[in-house]
Amino acid sequence: MTNCMRKFGFNDDPNAAYPEPENRDFGVWNVDRVRKYGFRLIGEEAQSSQVHDEAGPWGAARYECLSSEKSKMDEITPPDDLMNGGAAAAIALKSLSMASETDAWNDAKGDWDDCISAAGLTPGQDPTKAKWSSQQSFDLQGRIDQRNPSKSDAAEGVRLATIEAECNQEVRLTQTLGDIQASYQVPLIRQDEAVLTELKKKSQQYVDAAEKLLKEMQ
């Protein structure tokens, strides 16, 4: 898509156009990243991520590229049921539910709450929406212009994210909760090993196709 869009004058760098992935299931933890970007993910300011006029030149170019590149994209794009459903997703949800009911889980979360409280923040008051953030950062994210925050809001986002990430590292929140969840995943994985092996085979076909396409484009 990037190469095709360049033909129409849209010269995005694919490495900058899309955020670098980061698992934030249990809040922010990458201190170096949040000190630079706050809660934002790298790449969010790139041209591809900005609002474009779908009816204008960009939209017309994108339509043409989606059509001309469809066959190649289909070869490397897993269907939704393979990416987001099935046994793997069920295991993730079940193990998370089981882990979150343990004393060790609650103790780790309590340690993080105490850490951010000591730094002047309030743990998220709504566990369904702000469980892994401070109330201050939850409120900030809800009121600022995410695409064009003011300098003061951007600075406040960096400050809040840094406190949360440093506390995450200090009490080893993400690592601890991940380990607890993994301990419940192991027996569930063994129960569904045959199904998961078949899913892995199907997923590998798309990985192989992507690697082949990348080599052809180099």
Protein backbone atom coordinates (compact mmCIF):
# COMPACT_ATOMS: atom_id res chain seq x y z
CA MET A 1 0.00 0.00 0.00
CA THR A 2 2.83 2.41 0.84
CA ASN A 3 4.56 1.85 -2.48
CA CYS A 4 1.29 2.25 -4.34
CA MET A 5 0.36 5.45 -2.49
CA ARG A 6 3.73 6.95 -3.40
CA LYS A 7 2.68 6.85 -7.05
CA PHE A 8 -0.01 9.37 -6.12
CA GLY A 9 2.33 11.64 -4.17
CA PHE A 10 1.73 10.35 -0.64
CA ASN A 11 5.20 9.50 0.62
CA ASP A 12 4.69 8.10 4.09
CA ASP A 13 7.44 6.09 5.72
CA PRO A 14 5.74 2.80 6.71
CA ASN A 15 8.02 2.48 9.73
CA ALA A 16 6.83 5.85 11.02
CA ALA A 17 3.25 5.74 9.78
CA TYR A 18 2.11 3.00 12.13
CA PRO A 19 2.64 2.86 15.89
CA GLU A 20 5.20 0.41 17.18
CA PRO A 21 3.18 -2.27 19.01
CA GLU A 22 3.25 -2.38 22.78
CA ASN A 23 1.24 -4.55 25.12
CA ARG A 24 -0.47 -2.28 27.64
CA ASP A 25 -2.88 -4.80 29.11
CA PHE A 26 -1.78 -3.72 32.59
CA GLY A 27 -0.99 -0.08 31.93
CA VAL A 28 2.08 1.73 30.66
CA TRP A 29 5.46 0.28 31.62
CA ASN A 30 8.00 1.50 29.03
CA VAL A 31 9.58 4.39 30.90
CA ASP A 32 11.85 5.52 28.06
CA ARG A 33 8.93 5.69 25.63
CA VAL A 34 6.50 7.57 27.87
CA ARG A 35 9.15 10.14 28.82
CA LYS A 36 9.20 11.08 25.11
CA TYR A 37 5.64 10.46 23.99
CA GLY A 38 3.47 10.25 27.09
CA PHE A 39 0.55 7.92 26.48
CA ARG A 40 0.82 8.30 22.71
CA LEU A 41 2.22 5.49 20.61
CA ILE A 42 5.11 6.22 18.26
CA GLY A 43 3.87 7.00 14.78
CA GLU A 44 0.60 8.67 15.73
CA GLU A 45 1.72 11.97 14.20
CA ALA A 46 2.61 10.44 10.83
CA GLN A 47 0.71 11.44 7.72
CA SER A 48 -1.08 8.10 7.38
CA SER A 49 -2.52 8.47 10.85
CA GLN A 50 -3.90 11.93 10.29
CA VAL A 51 -7.44 12.67 9.16
CA HIS A 52 -7.63 12.71 5.38
CA ASP A 53 -10.41 13.78 3.04
CA GLU A 54 -11.83 10.44 1.90
CA ALA A 55 -13.51 12.21 -1.03
CA GLY A 56 -10.34 14.06 -2.05
CA PRO A 57 -7.02 13.02 -3.62
CA TRP A 58 -5.93 10.85 -0.69
CA GLY A 59 -9.23 8.96 -0.65
CA ALA A 60 -9.15 8.44 -4.40
CA ALA A 61 -5.57 7.17 -4.25
CA ARG A 62 -6.35 4.84 -1.36
CA TYR A 63 -9.33 3.42 -3.25
CA GLU A 64 -7.17 2.73 -6.29
CA CYS A 65 -4.45 1.10 -4.19
CA LEU A 66 -6.88 -1.07 -2.22
CA SER A 67 -8.16 -2.38 -5.54
CA SER A 68 -4.83 -2.88 -7.29
CA GLU A 69 -3.06 -4.41 -4.27
CA LYS A 70 -5.98 -6.51 -3.00
CA SER A 71 -4.65 -9.89 -4.10
CA LYS A 72 -1.26 -9.34 -2.43
CA MET A 73 -2.89 -7.99 0.72
CA ASP A 74 -5.23 -10.99 0.93
CA GLU A 75 -2.22 -13.30 0.82
CA ILE A 76 -0.70 -11.80 3.96
CA THR A 77 -3.81 -10.74 5.91
CA PRO A 78 -5.23 -13.39 8.26
CA PRO A 79 -9.03 -13.47 8.55
CA ASP A 80 -10.61 -12.01 11.68
CA ASP A 81 -11.54 -15.40 13.11
CA LEU A 82 -7.88 -16.43 13.00
CA MET A 83 -6.59 -13.18 14.48
CA ASN A 84 -9.18 -12.47 17.15
CA GLY A 85 -11.22 -15.59 17.87
CA GLY A 86 -11.10 -19.28 18.52
CA ALA A 87 -9.33 -21.28 21.16
CA ALA A 88 -6.43 -18.87 21.67
CA ALA A 89 -8.73 -15.97 22.53
CA ALA A 90 -10.82 -18.16 24.80
CA ILE A 91 -7.72 -19.27 26.71
CA ALA A 92 -6.55 -15.68 27.09
CA LEU A 93 -9.90 -14.57 28.50
CA LYS A 94 -10.35 -17.56 30.80
CA SER A 95 -6.82 -17.40 32.19
CA LEU A 96 -7.17 -13.65 32.78
CA SER A 97 -10.42 -14.19 34.69
CA MET A 98 -8.91 -16.92 36.86
CA ALA A 99 -5.70 -14.98 37.54
CA SER A 100 -7.54 -11.78 38.50
CA GLU A 101 -9.31 -13.60 41.34
CA THR A 102 -6.08 -14.51 43.17
CA ASP A 103 -4.63 -12.76 46.19
CA ALA A 104 -1.27 -12.41 44.42
CA TRP A 105 -2.96 -10.49 41.61
CA ASN A 106 -4.73 -8.14 43.99
CA ASP A 107 -1.55 -7.65 46.03
CA ALA A 108 0.41 -6.62 42.92
CA LYS A 109 -2.31 -4.19 41.88
CA GLY A 110 -2.42 -2.82 45.42
CA ASP A 111 1.34 -2.22 45.39
CA TRP A 112 1.00 -0.20 42.18
CA ASP A 113 -1.93 1.78 43.59
CA ASP A 114 0.17 2.61 46.65
CA CYS A 115 3.11 3.67 44.49
CA ILE A 116 1.17 6.14 42.33
CA SER A 117 -0.68 7.39 45.41
CA ALA A 118 2.63 8.18 47.07
CA ALA A 119 3.47 10.22 43.96
CA GLY A 120 0.30 12.29 44.33
CA LEU A 121 -2.01 10.43 41.93
CA THR A 122 -5.32 8.69 42.55
CA PRO A 123 -5.88 5.11 41.38
CA GLY A 124 -8.60 4.83 38.72
CA GLN A 125 -11.97 5.04 40.44
CA ASP A 126 -13.87 3.03 37.80
CA PRO A 127 -12.29 -0.45 37.58
CA THR A 128 -14.10 -1.18 34.30
CA LYS A 129 -12.57 1.84 32.54
CA ALA A 130 -9.55 3.06 34.49
CA LYS A 131 -8.27 -0.01 36.29
CA TRP A 132 -4.73 0.27 34.95
CA SER A 133 -4.36 4.04 35.03
CA SER A 134 -4.58 6.87 37.49
CA GLN A 135 -7.80 8.85 37.61
CA GLN A 136 -5.83 11.91 36.53
CA SER A 137 -4.59 10.28 33.31
CA PHE A 138 -8.02 8.82 32.58
CA ASP A 139 -9.59 12.27 32.92
CA LEU A 140 -6.84 13.84 30.80
CA GLN A 141 -7.29 11.36 27.97
CA GLY A 142 -11.02 12.01 27.99
CA ARG A 143 -10.80 15.78 27.61
CA ILE A 144 -7.79 16.56 25.40
CA ASP A 145 -7.59 16.70 21.63
CA GLN A 146 -5.68 13.47 21.00
CA ARG A 147 -4.44 14.57 17.57
CA ASN A 148 -3.50 18.11 18.53
CA PRO A 149 -3.00 18.44 22.28
CA SER A 150 -1.89 21.74 23.73
CA LYS A 151 1.68 21.98 24.98
CA SER A 152 0.47 21.97 28.58
CA ASP A 153 -1.72 18.88 28.05
CA ALA A 154 1.09 17.07 26.25
CA ALA A 155 3.48 17.89 29.10
CA GLU A 156 0.94 16.72 31.66
CA GLY A 157 0.48 13.48 29.74
CA VAL A 158 4.22 12.85 29.85
CA ARG A 159 4.31 13.59 33.58
CA LEU A 160 1.43 11.26 34.42
CA ALA A 161 2.57 8.47 32.12
CA THR A 162 6.08 8.63 33.56
CA ILE A 163 4.82 8.23 37.12
CA GLU A 164 2.60 5.30 36.15
CA ALA A 165 5.34 3.57 34.15
CA GLU A 166 8.00 4.09 36.82
CA CYS A 167 5.67 2.61 39.43
CA ASN A 168 4.89 -0.29 37.11
CA GLN A 169 8.62 -1.00 36.89
CA GLU A 170 9.21 -0.45 40.59
CA VAL A 171 6.61 -3.01 41.73
CA ARG A 172 7.03 -5.19 38.60
CA LEU A 173 3.29 -4.96 37.91
CA THR A 174 3.16 -6.03 34.27
CA GLN A 175 5.73 -8.78 34.77
CA THR A 176 4.02 -10.14 37.88
CA LEU A 177 0.51 -10.13 36.44
CA GLY A 178 1.76 -11.64 33.19
CA ASP A 179 3.44 -14.45 35.11
CA ILE A 180 0.29 -15.12 37.13
CA GLN A 181 -1.86 -15.26 34.02
CA ALA A 182 0.67 -17.52 32.29
CA SER A 183 0.49 -20.00 35.16
CA TYR A 184 -3.21 -20.45 34.40
CA GLN A 185 -2.67 -20.55 30.64
CA VAL A 186 -0.34 -23.55 30.73
CA PRO A 187 -2.92 -26.23 31.66
CA LEU A 188 -5.51 -24.65 29.34
CA ILE A 189 -3.03 -24.75 26.46
CA ARG A 190 -2.35 -28.42 27.12
CA GLN A 191 -6.07 -29.17 26.99
CA ASP A 192 -6.42 -27.53 23.56
CA GLU A 193 -3.00 -28.36 22.17
CA ALA A 194 -4.32 -30.02 18.99
CA VAL A 195 -6.57 -27.07 18.13
CA LEU A 196 -3.82 -24.54 18.85
CA THR A 197 -1.33 -26.46 16.74
CA GLU A 198 -3.70 -26.26 13.79
CA LEU A 199 -4.17 -22.51 14.36
CA LYS A 200 -0.41 -22.07 14.41
CA LYS A 201 -0.09 -23.87 11.08
CA LYS A 202 -2.70 -21.61 9.49
CA SER A 203 -1.05 -18.49 10.93
CA GLN A 204 2.37 -19.58 9.68
CA GLN A 205 1.07 -19.63 6.12
CA TYR A 206 0.46 -15.87 6.33
CA VAL A 207 3.85 -15.27 7.94
CA ASP A 208 5.57 -17.21 5.16
CA ALA A 209 3.66 -15.25 2.52
CA ALA A 210 4.62 -11.94 4.15
CA GLU A 211 8.30 -12.89 4.34
CA LYS A 212 8.23 -13.93 0.67
CA LEU A 213 6.64 -10.63 -0.34
CA LEU A 214 9.17 -8.60 1.64
CA LYS A 215 12.07 -10.38 -0.04
CA GLU A 216 10.56 -9.67 -3.46
CA MET A 217 10.24 -5.98 -2.64
CA GLN A 218 13.80 -5.49 -1.35
